[in-house]
Protein backbone atom coordinates (compact mmCIF):
# COMPACT_ATOMS: atom_id res chain seq x y z
CA MET A 1 77.45 97.26 62.83
CA ILE A 2 74.61 98.74 64.88
CA ASN A 3 76.43 97.99 68.14
CA LYS A 4 79.57 99.64 66.78
CA MET A 5 77.65 102.75 65.82
CA ARG A 6 75.95 102.81 69.21
CA THR A 7 79.30 102.53 70.97
CA SER A 8 80.74 105.36 68.88
CA PHE A 9 77.71 107.51 69.62
CA LEU A 10 77.99 106.94 73.37
CA ALA A 11 81.72 107.71 73.27
CA THR A 12 81.23 110.99 71.42
CA PRO A 13 80.48 113.17 74.50
CA TYR A 14 83.57 111.82 76.25
CA ALA A 15 85.72 112.45 73.17
CA ILE A 16 84.44 116.02 72.97
CA TRP A 17 85.11 116.52 76.68
CA VAL A 18 88.69 115.24 76.35
CA MET A 19 89.29 117.43 73.31
CA ILE A 20 88.03 120.61 74.99
CA CYS A 21 89.35 120.06 78.53
CA THR A 22 92.58 118.14 77.88
CA ILE A 23 93.91 118.28 74.32
CA LEU A 24 93.27 121.96 73.58
CA PRO A 25 94.66 123.25 76.92
CA LEU A 26 97.71 121.05 76.41
CA PHE A 27 98.39 122.59 73.00
CA TYR A 28 97.79 126.01 74.54
CA ILE A 29 100.43 125.36 77.20
CA LEU A 30 102.78 123.92 74.57
CA GLY A 31 102.40 127.12 72.55
CA TYR A 32 103.42 129.20 75.58
CA ALA A 33 106.34 126.86 76.30
CA LEU A 34 107.81 127.27 72.82
CA THR A 35 107.52 131.07 72.63
CA ASN A 36 108.79 134.09 74.52
CA ASP A 37 106.98 137.26 75.57
CA ALA A 38 107.24 138.61 72.01
CA GLY A 39 105.70 135.45 70.56
CA SER A 40 108.96 134.30 68.93
CA PHE A 41 109.97 130.64 68.90
CA THR A 42 112.41 129.64 71.64
CA LEU A 43 113.55 126.59 73.56
CA SER A 44 114.80 128.57 76.53
CA ASN A 45 111.66 127.84 78.55
CA LEU A 46 112.33 124.11 78.20
CA THR A 47 116.07 124.27 78.82
CA ALA A 48 115.43 126.40 81.92
CA ILE A 49 114.98 123.15 83.83
CA ALA A 50 118.79 122.92 83.76
CA ASP A 51 119.09 126.01 85.97
CA PRO A 52 120.48 125.05 89.40
CA VAL A 53 117.38 126.35 91.21
CA HIS A 54 115.03 124.33 89.03
CA LEU A 55 117.21 121.22 89.17
CA LYS A 56 117.32 121.45 92.95
CA SER A 57 113.51 121.68 93.11
CA LEU A 58 113.12 118.80 90.65
CA TRP A 59 115.51 116.60 92.62
CA LEU A 60 113.70 117.46 95.86
CA SER A 61 110.37 116.57 94.23
CA ILE A 62 111.76 113.23 93.05
CA ARG A 63 113.13 112.47 96.51
CA VAL A 64 109.89 113.36 98.30
CA ALA A 65 107.82 111.42 95.75
CA PHE A 66 110.12 108.39 96.10
CA PHE A 67 109.94 108.32 99.90
CA THR A 68 106.19 108.96 99.81
CA THR A 69 105.69 106.04 97.43
CA ALA A 70 107.98 103.74 99.43
CA ILE A 71 106.27 104.53 102.75
CA CYS A 72 102.81 104.13 101.21
CA LEU A 73 103.83 100.74 99.81
CA LEU A 74 105.25 99.56 103.14
CA LEU A 75 102.06 100.62 104.94
CA ALA A 76 99.54 99.63 102.28
CA TYR A 77 100.60 96.08 101.48
CA PRO A 78 100.25 94.69 105.03
CA VAL A 79 96.91 96.50 105.44
CA ALA A 80 95.61 95.15 102.12
CA LEU A 81 96.87 91.66 102.99
CA ILE A 82 95.17 91.71 106.40
CA LEU A 83 91.90 92.91 104.88
CA HIS A 84 92.11 90.21 102.24
CA ASN A 85 92.74 87.48 104.83
CA LEU A 86 89.73 88.61 106.85
CA LYS A 87 87.54 87.20 104.07
CA LEU A 88 84.93 89.90 104.42
CA THR A 89 81.69 89.14 102.61
CA ASN A 90 80.95 92.79 101.85
CA LYS A 91 84.09 93.95 100.03
CA GLY A 92 82.33 97.10 98.94
CA LEU A 93 82.34 98.19 102.59
CA VAL A 94 86.15 97.97 102.65
CA VAL A 95 86.41 100.19 99.59
CA PHE A 96 83.94 102.63 101.14
CA LEU A 97 85.94 102.89 104.38
CA PHE A 98 89.08 103.91 102.49
CA ILE A 99 87.29 106.31 100.18
CA LEU A 100 85.30 107.95 103.01
CA PRO A 101 88.17 110.19 104.31
CA MET A 102 88.67 111.46 100.75
CA TRP A 103 85.16 112.94 100.82
CA MET A 104 86.40 115.52 103.29
CA ASN A 105 87.79 118.70 101.80
CA PHE A 106 91.43 118.26 100.83
CA MET A 107 92.51 121.57 102.34
CA LEU A 108 90.88 120.75 105.68
CA ARG A 109 92.65 117.40 105.85
CA ILE A 110 96.05 118.96 105.24
CA LEU A 111 95.38 121.88 107.59
CA ALA A 112 94.57 119.32 110.27
CA TRP A 113 98.14 118.09 109.93
CA GLN A 114 99.36 121.61 110.68
CA ILE A 115 97.58 121.38 114.03
CA ILE A 116 99.02 117.91 114.67
CA LEU A 117 102.61 118.74 113.73
CA SER A 118 102.94 122.32 115.02
CA ASN A 119 105.32 123.03 117.89
CA ASN A 120 102.41 123.35 120.30
CA GLY A 121 100.28 120.80 118.47
CA ILE A 122 98.73 117.48 119.37
CA LEU A 123 101.85 115.40 118.67
CA ASN A 124 104.15 117.45 120.87
CA SER A 125 101.50 117.63 123.59
CA ILE A 126 101.38 113.84 123.72
CA LEU A 127 105.18 113.59 123.74
CA SER A 128 105.44 116.16 126.55
CA THR A 129 102.86 114.26 128.59
CA LEU A 130 104.88 111.07 128.18
CA GLY A 131 108.07 112.88 129.18
CA LEU A 132 109.60 112.50 125.74
CA PRO A 133 111.46 115.21 123.76
CA THR A 134 109.28 117.23 121.43
CA LEU A 135 109.67 117.25 117.66
CA HIS A 136 109.94 120.25 115.38
CA ILE A 137 109.03 118.87 111.97
CA LEU A 138 106.44 121.34 110.71
CA TYR A 139 107.66 123.28 107.65
CA THR A 140 110.21 120.61 106.84
CA GLU A 141 110.59 117.96 104.15
CA THR A 142 109.47 115.36 106.70
CA ALA A 143 106.18 117.16 107.29
CA VAL A 144 105.53 117.40 103.55
CA THR A 145 106.27 113.69 103.14
CA LEU A 146 103.92 112.78 106.01
CA GLY A 147 101.16 114.89 104.49
CA MET A 148 101.57 113.23 101.10
CA VAL A 149 101.61 109.75 102.64
CA TYR A 150 98.37 110.53 104.44
CA ASP A 151 96.78 111.94 101.31
CA PHE A 152 97.89 109.28 98.81
CA LEU A 153 97.81 106.13 100.97
CA PRO A 154 94.31 105.05 99.77
CA TYR A 155 95.57 105.15 96.18
CA MET A 156 98.12 102.47 97.13
CA ILE A 157 95.84 100.32 99.29
CA LEU A 158 92.93 99.97 96.86
CA PRO A 159 94.79 98.57 93.81
CA ILE A 160 96.81 96.18 95.97
CA TYR A 161 93.68 94.99 97.77
CA ASN A 162 91.94 94.56 94.44
CA ALA A 163 94.86 92.49 93.10
CA LEU A 164 94.92 90.31 96.22
CA SER A 165 91.18 89.74 95.96
CA LYS A 166 91.64 88.27 92.48
CA ILE A 167 94.11 85.60 93.65
CA ASN A 168 92.56 82.15 93.60
CA ASP A 169 92.61 80.76 97.14
CA GLN A 170 93.21 77.29 95.74
CA VAL A 171 96.59 78.40 94.43
CA VAL A 172 97.66 79.47 97.93
CA GLU A 173 96.25 76.26 99.42
CA ALA A 174 98.13 74.21 96.83
CA ALA A 175 101.41 75.85 97.86
CA ALA A 176 100.71 74.97 101.49
CA ASP A 177 99.82 71.39 100.55
CA LEU A 178 103.17 71.08 98.79
CA GLY A 179 104.96 71.98 102.02
CA ALA A 180 105.59 75.70 101.53
CA ASN A 181 105.65 77.76 104.70
CA TRP A 182 103.99 81.17 105.04
CA TRP A 183 107.03 83.12 103.88
CA THR A 184 107.64 80.90 100.86
CA THR A 185 103.98 81.08 99.88
CA PHE A 186 104.03 84.84 100.22
CA THR A 187 107.23 85.44 98.22
CA LYS A 188 106.60 82.81 95.55
CA VAL A 189 102.83 83.01 95.11
CA THR A 190 101.05 85.94 96.74
CA LEU A 191 103.57 88.70 96.02
CA PRO A 192 104.12 87.86 92.32
CA LEU A 193 100.37 87.52 91.69
CA SER A 194 99.72 90.91 93.30
CA LYS A 195 102.47 92.63 91.29
CA ASP A 196 100.03 94.37 88.96
CA GLY A 197 98.32 96.03 91.94
CA ILE A 198 101.68 97.12 93.32
CA ILE A 199 102.74 98.72 90.04
CA SER A 200 99.37 100.44 89.67
CA GLY A 201 99.65 101.76 93.23
CA ILE A 202 103.19 103.02 92.66
CA ILE A 203 102.11 104.93 89.56
CA MET A 204 98.99 106.33 91.27
CA VAL A 205 101.09 107.64 94.18
CA PHE A 206 104.38 108.64 92.55
CA VAL A 207 102.89 110.70 89.72
CA PRO A 208 100.68 113.05 91.83
CA ALA A 209 103.34 113.24 94.56
CA LEU A 210 105.92 114.35 91.99
CA SER A 211 103.74 117.21 90.72
CA SER A 212 102.13 118.19 94.03
CA PHE A 213 102.47 121.74 95.35
CA VAL A 214 99.53 122.33 97.72
CA VAL A 215 100.82 120.00 100.45
CA SER A 216 104.27 121.60 100.36
CA ASN A 217 102.67 125.06 100.49
CA LEU A 218 100.72 124.24 103.65
CA LEU A 219 103.13 121.92 105.48
CA GLY A 220 106.37 123.27 104.02
CA GLY A 221 105.62 126.89 104.80
CA GLY A 222 107.52 128.11 101.74
CA LYS A 223 110.71 126.41 102.97
CA VAL A 224 110.21 123.23 100.93
CA LEU A 225 110.18 124.31 97.29
CA LEU A 226 109.14 121.46 94.99
CA ILE A 227 109.08 121.75 91.22
CA GLY A 228 105.30 122.04 91.44
CA ASN A 229 105.71 125.09 93.67
CA VAL A 230 108.13 126.66 91.18
CA ILE A 231 105.65 126.17 88.33
CA GLU A 232 102.77 127.51 90.42
CA GLN A 233 104.77 130.61 91.36
CA GLU A 234 105.72 131.27 87.75
CA PHE A 235 102.03 131.31 86.80
CA THR A 236 100.61 133.17 89.81
CA LEU A 237 103.37 135.40 91.20
CA ALA A 238 105.87 136.03 88.42
CA ARG A 239 103.13 135.98 85.74
CA ASN A 240 105.65 134.27 83.49
CA TRP A 241 103.36 131.83 81.70
CA ASN A 242 106.04 131.00 79.14
CA LEU A 243 108.54 129.73 81.69
CA GLY A 244 105.82 128.07 83.77
CA SER A 245 104.54 126.28 80.69
CA GLY A 246 108.02 125.16 79.72
CA LEU A 247 108.68 123.67 83.14
CA SER A 248 105.24 122.04 83.07
CA ILE A 249 106.00 120.36 79.75
CA ILE A 250 109.33 119.06 81.07
CA LEU A 251 107.62 117.74 84.20
CA MET A 252 104.94 116.06 82.08
CA ILE A 253 107.63 114.41 79.92
CA PHE A 254 109.39 113.20 83.06
CA VAL A 255 106.13 111.75 84.40
CA LEU A 256 105.41 109.99 81.10
CA LEU A 257 108.92 108.53 81.05
CA SER A 258 108.49 107.27 84.62
CA MET A 259 105.20 105.61 83.72
CA SER A 260 106.76 104.10 80.61
CA VAL A 261 109.60 102.60 82.65
CA MET A 262 107.12 101.07 85.12
CA ASN A 263 105.09 99.62 82.25
CA LYS A 264 108.25 98.20 80.66
CA VAL A 265 109.16 96.54 83.96
CA ASP A 266 105.64 95.15 84.23
CA ASP A 267 105.70 93.82 80.66
CA SER A 268 109.13 92.21 81.07
CA GLU A 269 108.05 90.41 84.22
CA ASN A 270 104.96 89.15 82.40
CA GLY A 271 107.03 87.62 79.61
CA GLY A 272 106.51 90.58 77.32
CA MET A 273 102.75 90.15 77.32
CA PRO A 274 100.76 93.37 77.79
CA VAL A 275 98.89 93.68 81.07
């Protein structure tokens, strides 16, 4: 009983923080989303997502988030697997090396990509030196995707590396003793046992990539309009908080549905047992 009371007491500051900084603002936004300028109830701010301009931005956001997640997964899994096979004694150092770049200011990291990808930037200078044709990808969907991959890659590597670190080496050795080659061991043992890390990484990359707007502002140059950019412009430029709130609620519902689908897939592959 005493331990339960102590736990409740320690959780009280966090509960208050969540209530003030998460729950109340969410209800505030919901109130804007369900009213018009006159304060009357309306669903038009929610149904506005069906407008062609908003649907186009939403579809573009989904496409960019999908490719960002796929590229991060293709890059992160081999890196995490190599790090795991190195058998490093100080695993905390590995985590530190991937977190270290994130200590740098986010804006500076993305602005650095402007210098790299600009027409007269580092990338084209190297290509010109090698006698190769230059690329013009700044202010395109490709540039936005590259920026997101760079920014969110650690969020894919860390959970996968953590999942691989929990695999019992004896299980892998047993597969080899039974005659399984490297590919069979990987597809039948390593990959299934690291599935939880993969799903966590997908969620941690897809969700922020879907709602991102800063990267597309800096690397898209206003030419790549994601749904996050539309919402940001409704709040800051158009001063239409009602419409911005409505689109935000729809985006939040879409994110929650995406996470629910991933959790359902995870549960079904675990025999219906919760992870």
